[in-house]
Structure formats: C-alpha cells, structure tokens
PDB file of N, CA and C in Angstrom:
ATOM      1  N   MET A   1       0.832  -1.177   0.000  1.00  0.00           N
ATOM      2  CA  MET A   1       0.000   0.000   0.000  1.00  0.00           C
ATOM      3  C   MET A   1       0.879   1.243   0.000  1.00  0.00           C
ATOM      4  N   ILE A   2       0.514   2.202  -0.832  1.00  0.00           N
ATOM      5  CA  ILE A   2       1.264   3.445  -0.973  1.00  0.00           C
ATOM      6  C   ILE A   2       0.449   4.575  -0.350  1.00  0.00           C
ATOM      7  N   THR A   3       1.070   5.309   0.573  1.00  0.00           N
ATOM      8  CA  THR A   3       0.432   6.468   1.182  1.00  0.00           C
ATOM      9  C   THR A   3       1.295   7.687   0.904  1.00  0.00           C
ATOM     10  N   VAL A   4       0.679   8.724   0.337  1.00  0.00           N
ATOM     11  CA  VAL A   4       1.396   9.955   0.014  1.00  0.00           C
ATOM     12  C   VAL A   4       0.880  11.063   0.918  1.00  0.00           C
ATOM     13  N   LYS A   5       1.799  11.686   1.651  1.00  0.00           N
ATOM     14  CA  LYS A   5       1.450  12.787   2.560  1.00  0.00           C
ATOM     15  C   LYS A   5       2.166  14.047   2.090  1.00  0.00           C
ATOM     16  N   LYS A   6       1.408  15.100   1.871  1.00  0.00           N
ATOM     17  CA  LYS A   6       1.971  16.366   1.402  1.00  0.00           C
ATOM     18  C   LYS A   6       2.652  17.082   2.574  1.00  0.00           C
ATOM     19  N   ILE A   7       3.927  17.417   2.395  1.00  0.00           N
ATOM     20  CA  ILE A   7       4.676  18.176   3.400  1.00  0.00           C
ATOM     21  C   ILE A   7       4.547  19.667   3.078  1.00  0.00           C
ATOM     22  N   ASP A   8       4.790  20.018   1.825  1.00  0.00           N
ATOM     23  CA  ASP A   8       4.561  21.360   1.311  1.00  0.00           C
ATOM     24  C   ASP A   8       4.257  21.230  -0.178  1.00  0.00           C
ATOM     25  N   ASP A   9       4.216  22.338  -0.914  1.00  0.00           N
ATOM     26  CA  ASP A   9       3.808  22.281  -2.322  1.00  0.00           C
ATOM     27  C   ASP A   9       4.701  21.403  -3.192  1.00  0.00           C
ATOM     28  N   ARG A  10       5.935  21.192  -2.766  1.00  0.00           N
ATOM     29  CA  ARG A  10       6.886  20.436  -3.587  1.00  0.00           C
ATOM     30  C   ARG A  10       7.354  19.129  -2.958  1.00  0.00           C
ATOM     31  N   THR A  11       7.129  18.956  -1.681  1.00  0.00           N
ATOM     32  CA  THR A  11       7.720  17.839  -0.941  1.00  0.00           C
ATOM     33  C   THR A  11       6.648  16.912  -0.397  1.00  0.00           C
ATOM     34  N   PHE A  12       6.898  15.606  -0.561  1.00  0.00           N
ATOM     35  CA  PHE A  12       5.928  14.598  -0.142  1.00  0.00           C
ATOM     36  C   PHE A  12       6.633  13.481   0.607  1.00  0.00           C
ATOM     37  N   GLU A  13       5.968  12.981   1.628  1.00  0.00           N
ATOM     38  CA  GLU A  13       6.456  11.811   2.349  1.00  0.00           C
ATOM     39  C   GLU A  13       5.620  10.633   1.867  1.00  0.00           C
ATOM     40  N   VAL A  14       6.319   9.601   1.410  1.00  0.00           N
ATOM     41  CA  VAL A  14       5.638   8.422   0.874  1.00  0.00           C
ATOM     42  C   VAL A  14       5.970   7.232   1.759  1.00  0.00           C
ATOM     43  N   THR A  15       4.936   6.546   2.207  1.00  0.00           N
ATOM     44  CA  THR A  15       5.107   5.332   2.989  1.00  0.00           C
ATOM     45  C   THR A  15       4.631   4.163   2.138  1.00  0.00           C
ATOM     46  N   VAL A  16       5.470   3.139   2.051  1.00  0.00           N
ATOM     47  CA  VAL A  16       5.110   1.932   1.319  1.00  0.00           C
ATOM     48  C   VAL A  16       5.054   0.799   2.338  1.00  0.00           C
ATOM     49  N   ALA A  17       3.850   0.281   2.548  1.00  0.00           N
ATOM     50  CA  ALA A  17       3.648  -0.813   3.492  1.00  0.00           C
ATOM     51  C   ALA A  17       3.676  -2.122   2.720  1.00  0.00           C
ATOM     52  N   ASP A  18       4.683  -2.924   3.014  1.00  0.00           N
ATOM     53  CA  ASP A  18       4.854  -4.229   2.394  1.00  0.00           C
ATOM     54  C   ASP A  18       5.401  -5.134   3.494  1.00  0.00           C
ATOM     55  N   GLU A  19       6.168  -6.164   3.133  1.00  0.00           N
ATOM     56  CA  GLU A  19       6.786  -6.990   4.185  1.00  0.00           C
ATOM     57  C   GLU A  19       7.558  -6.106   5.144  1.00  0.00           C
ATOM     58  N   THR A  20       8.297  -5.162   4.568  1.00  0.00           N
ATOM     59  CA  THR A  20       8.995  -4.141   5.339  1.00  0.00           C
ATOM     60  C   THR A  20       8.399  -2.810   4.940  1.00  0.00           C
ATOM     61  N   THR A  21       8.020  -1.985   5.909  1.00  0.00           N
ATOM     62  CA  THR A  21       7.478  -0.670   5.611  1.00  0.00           C
ATOM     63  C   THR A  21       8.630   0.314   5.455  1.00  0.00           C
ATOM     64  N   THR A  22       8.573   1.111   4.382  1.00  0.00           N
ATOM     65  CA  THR A  22       9.624   2.093   4.118  1.00  0.00           C
ATOM     66  C   THR A  22       9.002   3.476   3.982  1.00  0.00           C
ATOM     67  N   THR A  23       9.809   4.491   4.255  1.00  0.00           N
ATOM     68  CA  THR A  23       9.385   5.874   4.122  1.00  0.00           C
ATOM     69  C   THR A  23      10.365   6.595   3.214  1.00  0.00           C
ATOM     70  N   HIS A  24       9.817   7.417   2.322  1.00  0.00           N
ATOM     71  CA  HIS A  24      10.617   8.109   1.319  1.00  0.00           C
ATOM     72  C   HIS A  24      10.188   9.573   1.273  1.00  0.00           C
ATOM     73  N   ARG A  25      11.117  10.438   0.915  1.00  0.00           N
ATOM     74  CA  ARG A  25      10.816  11.863   0.737  1.00  0.00           C
ATOM     75  C   ARG A  25      11.076  12.207  -0.722  1.00  0.00           C
ATOM     76  N   VAL A  26      10.046  12.710  -1.385  1.00  0.00           N
ATOM     77  CA  VAL A  26      10.121  13.023  -2.809  1.00  0.00           C
ATOM     78  C   VAL A  26       9.850  14.512  -2.994  1.00  0.00           C
ATOM     79  N   THR A  27      10.727  15.166  -3.750  1.00  0.00           N
ATOM     80  CA  THR A  27      10.565  16.578  -4.063  1.00  0.00           C
ATOM     81  C   THR A  27      10.301  16.714  -5.557  1.00  0.00           C
ATOM     82  N   VAL A  28       9.186  17.374  -5.893  1.00  0.00           N
ATOM     83  CA  VAL A  28       8.775  17.501  -7.295  1.00  0.00           C
ATOM     84  C   VAL A  28       8.769  18.978  -7.680  1.00  0.00           C
ATOM     85  N   ALA A  29       9.578  19.336  -8.647  1.00  0.00           N
ATOM     86  CA  ALA A  29       9.580  20.707  -9.170  1.00  0.00           C
ATOM     87  C   ALA A  29       8.300  20.938  -9.964  1.00  0.00           C
ATOM     88  N   PRO A  30       7.659  22.087  -9.795  1.00  0.00           N
ATOM     89  CA  PRO A  30       6.419  22.357 -10.543  1.00  0.00           C
ATOM     90  C   PRO A  30       6.586  22.202 -12.058  1.00  0.00           C
ATOM     91  N   ALA A  31       7.708  22.621 -12.601  1.00  0.00           N
ATOM     92  CA  ALA A  31       7.929  22.509 -14.051  1.00  0.00           C
ATOM     93  C   ALA A  31       7.982  21.044 -14.492  1.00  0.00           C
ATOM     94  N   TYR A  32       8.555  20.175 -13.651  1.00  0.00           N
ATOM     95  CA  TYR A  32       8.625  18.754 -13.997  1.00  0.00           C
ATOM     96  C   TYR A  32       7.237  18.122 -13.924  1.00  0.00           C
ATOM     97  N   HIS A  33       6.466  18.492 -12.916  1.00  0.00           N
ATOM     98  CA  HIS A  33       5.090  18.007 -12.797  1.00  0.00           C
ATOM     99  C   HIS A  33       4.304  18.383 -14.056  1.00  0.00           C
ATOM    100  N   GLU A  34       4.419  19.634 -14.475  1.00  0.00           N
ATOM    101  CA  GLU A  34       3.712  20.106 -15.661  1.00  0.00           C
ATOM    102  C   GLU A  34       4.183  19.365 -16.912  1.00  0.00           C
ATOM    103  N   LYS A  35       5.490  19.160 -17.016  1.00  0.00           N
ATOM    104  CA  LYS A  35       6.063  18.462 -18.180  1.00  0.00           C
ATOM    105  C   LYS A  35       5.481  17.054 -18.332  1.00  0.00           C
ATOM    106  N   LEU A  36       5.354  16.345 -17.214  1.00  0.00           N
ATOM    107  CA  LEU A  36       4.875  14.956 -17.285  1.00  0.00           C
ATOM    108  C   LEU A  36       3.365  14.836 -17.380  1.00  0.00           C
ATOM    109  N   THR A  37       2.641  15.765 -16.763  1.00  0.00           N
ATOM    110  CA  THR A  37       1.201  15.578 -16.629  1.00  0.00           C
ATOM    111  C   THR A  37       0.350  16.576 -17.393  1.00  0.00           C
ATOM    112  N   ASP A  38       0.939  17.637 -17.904  1.00  0.00           N
ATOM    113  CA  ASP A  38       0.173  18.722 -18.530  1.00  0.00           C
ATOM    114  C   ASP A  38      -0.948  19.209 -17.606  1.00  0.00           C
ATOM    115  N   GLY A  39      -0.724  19.065 -16.306  1.00  0.00           N
ATOM    116  CA  GLY A  39      -1.704  19.521 -15.323  1.00  0.00           C
ATOM    117  C   GLY A  39      -2.932  18.643 -15.192  1.00  0.00           C
ATOM    118  N   HIS A  40      -2.907  17.444 -15.776  1.00  0.00           N
ATOM    119  CA  HIS A  40      -4.080  16.560 -15.747  1.00  0.00           C
ATOM    120  C   HIS A  40      -4.280  15.854 -14.406  1.00  0.00           C
ATOM    121  N   ILE A  41      -3.212  15.716 -13.623  1.00  0.00           N
ATOM    122  CA  ILE A  41      -3.347  15.094 -12.301  1.00  0.00           C
ATOM    123  C   ILE A  41      -2.554  15.928 -11.294  1.00  0.00           C
ATOM    124  N   SER A  42      -2.874  15.757 -10.028  1.00  0.00           N
ATOM    125  CA  SER A  42      -2.186  16.490  -8.965  1.00  0.00           C
ATOM    126  C   SER A  42      -0.761  15.979  -8.803  1.00  0.00           C
ATOM    127  N   THR A  43       0.034  16.762  -8.128  1.00  0.00           N
ATOM    128  CA  THR A  43       1.406  16.337  -7.846  1.00  0.00           C
ATOM    129  C   THR A  43       1.399  15.097  -6.962  1.00  0.00           C
ATOM    130  N   GLU A  44       0.483  15.044  -6.003  1.00  0.00           N
ATOM    131  CA  GLU A  44       0.371  13.861  -5.137  1.00  0.00           C
ATOM    132  C   GLU A  44       0.118  12.607  -5.961  1.00  0.00           C
ATOM    133  N   LYS A  45      -0.773  12.729  -6.945  1.00  0.00           N
ATOM    134  CA  LYS A  45      -1.092  11.571  -7.795  1.00  0.00           C
ATOM    135  C   LYS A  45       0.106  11.181  -8.649  1.00  0.00           C
ATOM    136  N   LEU A  46       0.872  12.168  -9.126  1.00  0.00           N
ATOM    137  CA  LEU A  46       2.093  11.872  -9.875  1.00  0.00           C
ATOM    138  C   LEU A  46       3.067  11.083  -9.009  1.00  0.00           C
ATOM    139  N   VAL A  47       3.219  11.486  -7.762  1.00  0.00           N
ATOM    140  CA  VAL A  47       4.117  10.775  -6.850  1.00  0.00           C
ATOM    141  C   VAL A  47       3.624   9.341  -6.646  1.00  0.00           C
ATOM    142  N   GLU A  48       2.322   9.177  -6.440  1.00  0.00           N
ATOM    143  CA  GLU A  48       1.756   7.837  -6.261  1.00  0.00           C
ATOM    144  C   GLU A  48       1.995   6.970  -7.499  1.00  0.00           C
ATOM    145  N   LYS A  49       1.725   7.514  -8.682  1.00  0.00           N
ATOM    146  CA  LYS A  49       1.931   6.765  -9.923  1.00  0.00           C
ATOM    147  C   LYS A  49       3.411   6.431 -10.118  1.00  0.00           C
ATOM    148  N   SER A  50       4.288   7.334  -9.702  1.00  0.00           N
ATOM    149  CA  SER A  50       5.731   7.081  -9.801  1.00  0.00           C
ATOM    150  C   SER A  50       6.127   5.904  -8.925  1.00  0.00           C
ATOM    151  N   PHE A  51       5.529   5.802  -7.746  1.00  0.00           N
ATOM    152  CA  PHE A  51       5.821   4.656  -6.885  1.00  0.00           C
ATOM    153  C   PHE A  51       5.217   3.377  -7.436  1.00  0.00           C
ATOM    154  N   GLU A  52       4.054   3.452  -8.035  1.00  0.00           N
ATOM    155  CA  GLU A  52       3.497   2.262  -8.691  1.00  0.00           C
ATOM    156  C   GLU A  52       4.461   1.777  -9.768  1.00  0.00           C
ATOM    157  N   PHE A  53       4.972   2.708 -10.555  1.00  0.00           N
ATOM    158  CA  PHE A  53       5.950   2.386 -11.597  1.00  0.00           C
ATOM    159  C   PHE A  53       7.176   1.706 -10.970  1.00  0.00           C
ATOM    160  N   LEU A  54       7.727   2.310  -9.928  1.00  0.00           N
ATOM    161  CA  LEU A  54       8.931   1.759  -9.295  1.00  0.00           C
ATOM    162  C   LEU A  54       8.687   0.371  -8.708  1.00  0.00           C
ATOM    163  N   LEU A  55       7.559   0.200  -8.053  1.00  0.00           N
ATOM    164  CA  LEU A  55       7.275  -1.075  -7.387  1.00  0.00           C
ATOM    165  C   LEU A  55       7.037  -2.218  -8.377  1.00  0.00           C
ATOM    166  N   GLN A  56       6.765  -1.889  -9.631  1.00  0.00           N
ATOM    167  CA  GLN A  56       6.669  -2.920 -10.663  1.00  0.00           C
ATOM    168  C   GLN A  56       8.057  -3.410 -11.068  1.00  0.00           C
ATOM    169  N   ARG A  57       9.091  -2.660 -10.674  1.00  0.00           N
ATOM    170  CA  ARG A  57      10.448  -2.962 -11.117  1.00  0.00           C
ATOM    171  C   ARG A  57      11.417  -3.317  -9.996  1.00  0.00           C
ATOM    172  N   GLU A  58      11.087  -2.917  -8.769  1.00  0.00           N
ATOM    173  CA  GLU A  58      11.979  -3.204  -7.644  1.00  0.00           C
ATOM    174  C   GLU A  58      11.185  -3.180  -6.347  1.00  0.00           C
ATOM    175  N   SER A  59      11.783  -3.736  -5.312  1.00  0.00           N
ATOM    176  CA  SER A  59      11.121  -3.763  -4.007  1.00  0.00           C
ATOM    177  C   SER A  59      11.181  -2.379  -3.360  1.00  0.00           C
ATOM    178  N   ASN A  60      10.273  -2.135  -2.442  1.00  0.00           N
ATOM    179  CA  ASN A  60      10.270  -0.839  -1.770  1.00  0.00           C
ATOM    180  C   ASN A  60      11.557  -0.592  -0.982  1.00  0.00           C
ATOM    181  N   THR A  61      12.206  -1.638  -0.542  1.00  0.00           N
ATOM    182  CA  THR A  61      13.455  -1.468   0.208  1.00  0.00           C
ATOM    183  C   THR A  61      14.617  -1.056  -0.694  1.00  0.00           C
ATOM    184  N   SER A  62      14.439  -1.183  -2.018  1.00  0.00           N
ATOM    185  CA  SER A  62      15.475  -0.776  -2.970  1.00  0.00           C
ATOM    186  C   SER A  62      15.293   0.658  -3.465  1.00  0.00           C
ATOM    187  N   ILE A  63      14.136   1.231  -3.213  1.00  0.00           N
ATOM    188  CA  ILE A  63      13.850   2.597  -3.676  1.00  0.00           C
ATOM    189  C   ILE A  63      14.609   3.588  -2.797  1.00  0.00           C
ATOM    190  N   LEU A  64      15.205   4.588  -3.447  1.00  0.00           N
ATOM    191  CA  LEU A  64      15.940   5.613  -2.705  1.00  0.00           C
ATOM    192  C   LEU A  64      15.050   6.254  -1.650  1.00  0.00           C
ATOM    193  N   ARG A  65      15.630   6.635  -0.542  1.00  0.00           N
ATOM    194  CA  ARG A  65      14.852   7.237   0.556  1.00  0.00           C
ATOM    195  C   ARG A  65      14.502   8.695   0.280  1.00  0.00           C
ATOM    196  N   THR A  66      15.354   9.392  -0.449  1.00  0.00           N
ATOM    197  CA  THR A  66      15.120  10.792  -0.798  1.00  0.00           C
ATOM    198  C   THR A  66      15.509  10.978  -2.253  1.00  0.00           C
ATOM    199  N   PHE A  67      14.600  11.539  -3.051  1.00  0.00           N
ATOM    200  CA  PHE A  67      14.926  11.751  -4.461  1.00  0.00           C
ATOM    201  C   PHE A  67      13.929  12.698  -5.109  1.00  0.00           C
ATOM    202  N   GLU A  68      14.259  13.127  -6.323  1.00  0.00           N
ATOM    203  CA  GLU A  68      13.368  13.883  -7.191  1.00  0.00           C
ATOM    204  C   GLU A  68      13.026  12.963  -8.360  1.00  0.00           C
ATOM    205  N   PRO A  69      11.819  13.015  -8.885  1.00  0.00           N
ATOM    206  CA  PRO A  69      11.414  12.082  -9.940  1.00  0.00           C
ATOM    207  C   PRO A  69      12.336  11.972 -11.159  1.00  0.00           C
ATOM    208  N   PRO A  70      13.003  13.048 -11.614  1.00  0.00           N
ATOM    209  CA  PRO A  70      13.890  12.852 -12.767  1.00  0.00           C
ATOM    210  C   PRO A  70      14.969  11.784 -12.540  1.00  0.00           C
ATOM    211  N   VAL A  71      15.300  11.522 -11.279  1.00  0.00           N
ATOM    212  CA  VAL A  71      16.295  10.497 -10.956  1.00  0.00           C
ATOM    213  C   VAL A  71      15.800   9.119 -11.405  1.00  0.00           C
ATOM    214  N   ILE A  72      14.493   8.909 -11.358  1.00  0.00           N
ATOM    215  CA  ILE A  72      13.936   7.615 -11.762  1.00  0.00           C
ATOM    216  C   ILE A  72      14.345   7.293 -13.199  1.00  0.00           C
ATOM    217  N   GLY A  73      14.311   8.302 -14.061  1.00  0.00           N
ATOM    218  CA  GLY A  73      14.657   8.111 -15.466  1.00  0.00           C
ATOM    219  C   GLY A  73      16.103   7.705 -15.688  1.00  0.00           C
ATOM    220  N   ARG A  74      16.978   8.013 -14.753  1.00  0.00           N
ATOM    221  CA  ARG A  74      18.383   7.582 -14.867  1.00  0.00           C
ATOM    222  C   ARG A  74      18.502   6.066 -14.701  1.00  0.00           C
ATOM    223  N   TYR A  75      17.645   5.516 -13.860  1.00  0.00           N
ATOM    224  CA  TYR A  75      17.659   4.068 -13.618  1.00  0.00           C
ATOM    225  C   TYR A  75      16.752   3.326 -14.593  1.00  0.00           C
ATOM    226  N   PHE A  76      15.635   3.971 -14.948  1.00  0.00           N
ATOM    227  CA  PHE A  76      14.634   3.358 -15.811  1.00  0.00           C
ATOM    228  C   PHE A  76      14.292   4.357 -16.921  1.00  0.00           C
ATOM    229  N   PRO A  77      14.963   4.272 -18.061  1.00  0.00           N
ATOM    230  CA  PRO A  77      14.764   5.259 -19.144  1.00  0.00           C
ATOM    231  C   PRO A  77      13.322   5.359 -19.637  1.00  0.00           C
ATOM    232  N   GLU A  78      12.529   4.345 -19.427  1.00  0.00           N
ATOM    233  CA  GLU A  78      11.143   4.349 -19.899  1.00  0.00           C
ATOM    234  C   GLU A  78      10.197   5.085 -18.948  1.00  0.00           C
ATOM    235  N   TYR A  79      10.704   5.620 -17.854  1.00  0.00           N
ATOM    236  CA  TYR A  79       9.870   6.236 -16.814  1.00  0.00           C
ATOM    237  C   TYR A  79       8.916   7.296 -17.356  1.00  0.00           C
ATOM    238  N   GLU A  80       9.427   8.319 -18.013  1.00  0.00           N
ATOM    239  CA  GLU A  80       8.565   9.425 -18.436  1.00  0.00           C
ATOM    240  C   GLU A  80       7.490   8.958 -19.407  1.00  0.00           C
ATOM    241  N   THR A  81       7.848   8.113 -20.368  1.00  0.00           N
ATOM    242  CA  THR A  81       6.864   7.588 -21.313  1.00  0.00           C
ATOM    243  C   THR A  81       5.805   6.764 -20.588  1.00  0.00           C
ATOM    244  N   SER A  82       6.247   5.938 -19.665  1.00  0.00           N
ATOM    245  CA  SER A  82       5.298   5.092 -18.908  1.00  0.00           C
ATOM    246  C   SER A  82       4.346   5.921 -18.060  1.00  0.00           C
ATOM    247  N   ILE A  83       4.877   6.929 -17.386  1.00  0.00           N
ATOM    248  CA  ILE A  83       4.026   7.771 -16.539  1.00  0.00           C
ATOM    249  C   ILE A  83       2.980   8.485 -17.391  1.00  0.00           C
ATOM    250  N   ARG A  84       3.401   9.011 -18.510  1.00  0.00           N
ATOM    251  CA  ARG A  84       2.443   9.708 -19.381  1.00  0.00           C
ATOM    252  C   ARG A  84       1.310   8.774 -19.816  1.00  0.00           C
ATOM    253  N   SER A  85       1.654   7.522 -20.113  1.00  0.00           N
ATOM    254  CA  SER A  85       0.607   6.583 -20.537  1.00  0.00           C
ATOM    255  C   SER A  85      -0.254   6.139 -19.350  1.00  0.00           C
ATOM    256  N   MET A  86       0.301   6.124 -18.135  1.00  0.00           N
ATOM    257  CA  MET A  86      -0.458   5.736 -16.949  1.00  0.00           C
ATOM    258  C   MET A  86      -1.526   6.776 -16.573  1.00  0.00           C
ATOM    259  N   ILE A  87      -1.301   8.038 -16.944  1.00  0.00           N
ATOM    260  CA  ILE A  87      -2.231   9.085 -16.504  1.00  0.00           C
ATOM    261  C   ILE A  87      -3.257   9.456 -17.562  1.00  0.00           C
ATOM    262  N   LYS A  88      -3.187   8.839 -18.719  1.00  0.00           N
ATOM    263  CA  LYS A  88      -4.157   9.183 -19.775  1.00  0.00           C
ATOM    264  C   LYS A  88      -5.393   8.342 -19.678  1.00  0.00           C
TER     265      LYS A  88
END
C-alpha cells in the first residue's frame, strides 16, 4: 500500500507498506510536474503513480529514501513515457 502525505507544495512523504514498511521523501519541481502531466493530475497523484511504476520494477526497500522524480529516469529510461501513458 502506498500512502502519500503532502509536506509542502513540492515535498511529499511516501510510505510503502509491504513486508517491510519504508518511508521516502520526494521533491517535485512544478515545471517537472507540468512536463509529465500537462496539469491533468495532482502532484500527489504523480508521486503515487511514480511509486506504482517503481514497485513494478523493484522492491520498496530498494527505492531511494530521498529523491526527485527525474532520478527515476536515470535508472529506468522508460519512466517518463510510462508515466504519461499511466495518466491518460
């Protein structure tokens, strides 16, 4: 289960409850949110969808504890394309 808690307009605390529960801090730049979503979904929803994407590829214990979404694309080049298709 993925829980996204808004800390401020750019920062979110994400808890992933699985065999081991993990907590992550994600910072999303407004320009990056707009680039990926064209404003069709909230930043919170983008963060949630990003974790769904990550959890399809690795365990929650392997996900970085603090990051910005563009980092995901360094590990998984298909990230931006996948996210765009997930929100349509």
